[in-house]
C-alpha cells in the first residue's frame, strides 16, 4: 500500500479472510460487438491480496464469510476508514450473490474492498449499519435491487422501488413485466 505501512491492518483482517477465493479475470481486451461477451474462467487467488491500484482502484481486496463483515467493518472503522458504498453482484451460474463493501481512508489514501458470497436462494448477511450508520441506505438499495437480506437492519423497506415491489431488477435473470 502506498504512503504508509498497513501491516497492522492486514494482520487484523487476515484471520477473517477465507483461505481461497474465486476472482473473475479481466474482460477480453478487444470487444468487436459481434459476439456476446463471455467471462474468462475464474482464477484461484488468495482471499486477501493487494491488487495493482492503478488497474483496480483499490489497495486491498479481502473476501470474508458473511458472519465476519461486521468484524471487518469494525477493524476498518478503528483504522479511520469510512464506507463509500455497498452493492451486490449476481453470479447466477455459481448460485451466489456477492456483497461488496468499499472503504476509503483519505490520509494516507487507501481503498479497501471487502467481499462476501451468499447463497442466491437465501442471501442473508448481517447489517454493518451499527458500525457504519451510512450503510443504512446502501443496504436498503442493495436489498431493493438484489434481494439481499441484511439481518438486524433497522428498516429494510424499499428505498428506490415501489413499496409493493416483488422483484429485484439487478438480478441477471430479471424479466420486466408487460
Protein backbone atom coordinates (compact mmCIF):
# COMPACT_ATOMS: atom_id res chain seq x y z
CA UNK A 1 0.00 0.00 0.00
CA UNK A 2 1.22 3.49 -0.70
CA UNK A 3 2.46 6.11 1.75
CA UNK A 4 2.13 4.08 4.93
CA UNK A 5 2.78 0.65 6.37
CA UNK A 6 -0.59 -1.05 6.81
CA UNK A 7 0.89 -4.16 8.39
CA UNK A 8 -1.32 -3.92 11.49
CA UNK A 9 -4.49 -3.54 9.38
CA UNK A 10 -3.55 -6.55 7.26
CA UNK A 11 -2.70 -8.61 10.36
CA UNK A 12 -6.12 -7.83 11.84
CA UNK A 13 -8.02 -8.62 8.62
CA UNK A 14 -6.06 -11.77 7.67
CA UNK A 15 -7.79 -14.09 10.22
CA UNK A 16 -11.17 -13.06 8.79
CA UNK A 17 -10.22 -13.88 5.20
CA UNK A 18 -11.38 -17.10 3.58
CA UNK A 19 -8.41 -19.23 2.60
CA UNK A 20 -9.23 -19.41 -1.11
CA UNK A 21 -11.26 -17.16 -3.30
CA UNK A 22 -12.55 -17.19 -6.84
CA UNK A 23 -11.81 -13.94 -8.61
CA UNK A 24 -13.06 -13.35 -12.13
CA UNK A 25 -10.26 -12.50 -14.54
CA UNK A 26 -10.03 -9.44 -16.76
CA UNK A 27 -12.59 -8.91 -19.55
CA UNK A 28 -11.38 -9.54 -23.09
CA UNK A 29 -9.18 -6.72 -24.39
CA UNK A 30 -11.00 -6.41 -27.69
CA UNK A 31 -14.79 -6.18 -27.97
CA UNK A 32 -15.89 -6.42 -31.57
CA UNK A 33 -19.56 -6.14 -30.65
CA UNK A 34 -20.39 -9.08 -32.91
CA UNK A 35 -20.42 -11.70 -30.19
CA UNK A 36 -21.76 -11.75 -26.66
CA UNK A 37 -19.03 -11.22 -24.10
CA UNK A 38 -18.02 -14.34 -22.26
CA UNK A 39 -16.24 -14.01 -18.94
CA UNK A 40 -12.94 -15.86 -18.79
CA UNK A 41 -12.51 -18.76 -16.41
CA UNK A 42 -12.02 -17.67 -12.78
CA UNK A 43 -8.56 -17.81 -11.25
CA UNK A 44 -7.78 -19.09 -7.78
CA UNK A 45 -6.18 -16.37 -5.67
CA UNK A 46 -5.51 -15.77 -2.00
CA UNK A 47 -8.58 -14.35 -0.24
CA UNK A 48 -6.61 -11.28 0.78
CA UNK A 49 -4.41 -9.69 -1.81
CA UNK A 50 -3.02 -6.35 -2.87
CA UNK A 51 -4.02 -5.75 -6.49
CA UNK A 52 -2.42 -3.18 -8.78
CA UNK A 53 -4.00 0.08 -7.56
CA UNK A 54 -3.82 1.78 -10.97
CA UNK A 55 -5.57 -1.16 -12.64
CA UNK A 56 -8.20 -1.91 -9.96
CA UNK A 57 -8.67 1.33 -7.99
CA UNK A 58 -8.13 -0.20 -4.58
CA UNK A 59 -5.20 -1.24 -2.43
CA UNK A 60 -6.50 -4.28 -0.58
CA UNK A 61 -9.13 -6.87 -1.54
CA UNK A 62 -10.44 -9.15 1.22
CA UNK A 63 -13.05 -11.90 0.98
CA UNK A 64 -14.72 -12.88 4.26
CA UNK A 65 -17.54 -15.15 5.36
CA UNK A 66 -20.87 -13.38 5.72
CA UNK A 67 -20.74 -13.60 9.51
CA UNK A 68 -17.44 -11.68 9.55
CA UNK A 69 -18.49 -8.49 7.69
CA UNK A 70 -19.35 -6.67 10.94
CA UNK A 71 -15.98 -7.56 12.45
CA UNK A 72 -14.20 -6.39 9.27
CA UNK A 73 -16.19 -3.12 9.36
CA UNK A 74 -15.14 -2.61 12.98
CA UNK A 75 -11.46 -3.13 12.17
CA UNK A 76 -11.61 -0.69 9.26
CA UNK A 77 -13.51 1.83 11.40
CA UNK A 78 -10.79 1.61 14.09
CA UNK A 79 -8.23 2.49 11.43
CA UNK A 80 -10.22 5.57 10.35
CA UNK A 81 -11.76 4.18 7.16
CA UNK A 82 -15.20 5.32 6.06
CA UNK A 83 -17.72 3.40 3.99
CA UNK A 84 -18.07 4.57 0.40
CA UNK A 85 -20.56 2.05 -0.95
CA UNK A 86 -22.30 -1.28 -0.51
CA UNK A 87 -23.51 -3.08 -3.59
CA UNK A 88 -24.28 -6.51 -4.96
CA UNK A 89 -23.12 -8.74 -7.78
CA UNK A 90 -25.20 -11.58 -9.18
CA UNK A 91 -23.38 -14.82 -10.02
CA UNK A 92 -26.28 -17.00 -11.28
CA UNK A 93 -24.06 -19.76 -12.73
CA UNK A 94 -22.48 -20.21 -9.30
CA UNK A 95 -25.83 -19.86 -7.49
CA UNK A 96 -24.44 -16.97 -5.48
CA UNK A 97 -24.84 -13.27 -4.79
CA UNK A 98 -21.90 -11.20 -3.66
CA UNK A 99 -22.00 -8.17 -1.36
CA UNK A 100 -19.18 -5.70 -2.00
CA UNK A 101 -18.22 -3.11 0.63
CA UNK A 102 -15.94 -0.26 -0.48
CA UNK A 103 -13.98 1.56 2.24
CA UNK A 104 -11.70 4.57 1.94
CA UNK A 105 -9.12 6.35 4.05
CA UNK A 106 -8.15 9.87 2.97
CA UNK A 107 -4.74 10.31 4.60
CA UNK A 108 -2.82 8.34 3.62
CA UNK A 109 -5.00 7.45 0.65
CA UNK A 110 -6.07 3.83 0.79
CA UNK A 111 -9.09 1.94 -0.55
CA UNK A 112 -10.14 -1.48 0.75
CA UNK A 113 -12.76 -3.79 -0.75
CA UNK A 114 -14.43 -6.39 1.47
CA UNK A 115 -16.48 -9.06 -0.30
CA UNK A 116 -18.70 -11.88 0.84
CA UNK A 117 -20.55 -14.52 -1.17
CA UNK A 118 -24.06 -15.69 -0.27
CA UNK A 119 -26.35 -18.47 -1.41
CA UNK A 120 -28.53 -16.97 -4.15
CA UNK A 121 -31.66 -18.74 -2.85
CA UNK A 122 -31.36 -17.32 0.68
CA UNK A 123 -28.98 -14.35 0.62
CA UNK A 124 -28.60 -13.13 4.20
CA UNK A 125 -25.75 -11.13 5.70
CA UNK A 126 -25.60 -9.12 8.95
CA UNK A 127 -26.06 -5.36 8.70
CA UNK A 128 -22.99 -3.21 9.26
CA UNK A 129 -25.15 -0.15 9.97
CA UNK A 130 -24.37 -0.49 13.70
CA UNK A 131 -20.69 0.23 12.89
CA UNK A 132 -21.18 2.42 9.80
CA UNK A 133 -24.51 4.28 10.09
CA UNK A 134 -24.21 5.40 6.45
CA UNK A 135 -24.59 1.75 5.41
CA UNK A 136 -28.31 2.02 6.22
CA UNK A 137 -29.29 3.47 2.85
CA UNK A 138 -26.72 1.47 0.87
CA UNK A 139 -28.07 -1.77 2.34
CA UNK A 140 -31.66 -0.74 1.59
CA UNK A 141 -30.73 -0.05 -2.03
CA UNK A 142 -28.87 -3.36 -2.33
CA UNK A 143 -31.87 -5.12 -0.80
CA UNK A 144 -34.17 -3.42 -3.35
CA UNK A 145 -32.11 -4.31 -6.39
CA UNK A 146 -30.69 -7.74 -5.46
CA UNK A 147 -33.00 -9.11 -2.74
CA UNK A 148 -30.15 -9.46 -0.24
CA UNK A 149 -31.43 -9.54 3.33
CA UNK A 150 -29.37 -7.56 5.85
CA UNK A 151 -30.23 -9.19 9.17
CA UNK A 152 -30.53 -6.76 12.05
CA UNK A 153 -31.13 -3.81 9.73
CA UNK A 154 -33.45 -1.28 11.40
CA UNK A 155 -35.61 -0.56 8.31
CA UNK A 156 -35.36 -2.62 5.11
CA UNK A 157 -38.46 -1.20 3.47
CA UNK A 158 -37.95 -0.24 -0.18
CA UNK A 159 -35.82 2.82 -0.78
CA UNK A 160 -36.00 3.27 -4.56
CA UNK A 161 -38.61 0.74 -5.68
CA UNK A 162 -42.35 0.94 -5.07
CA UNK A 163 -43.49 -0.28 -1.65
CA UNK A 164 -45.28 -3.25 -3.25
CA UNK A 165 -42.33 -4.31 -5.43
CA UNK A 166 -41.93 -8.08 -5.52
CA UNK A 167 -38.94 -8.07 -7.89
CA UNK A 168 -35.23 -7.29 -7.82
CA UNK A 169 -34.26 -5.63 -11.12
CA UNK A 170 -30.48 -6.11 -10.97
CA UNK A 171 -30.64 -9.90 -10.80
CA UNK A 172 -29.40 -11.22 -14.13
CA UNK A 173 -32.49 -13.36 -14.66
CA UNK A 174 -34.90 -10.46 -14.04
CA UNK A 175 -37.51 -10.01 -16.77
CA UNK A 176 -39.51 -6.77 -16.91
CA UNK A 177 -43.29 -7.21 -16.75
CA UNK A 178 -45.56 -6.06 -19.52
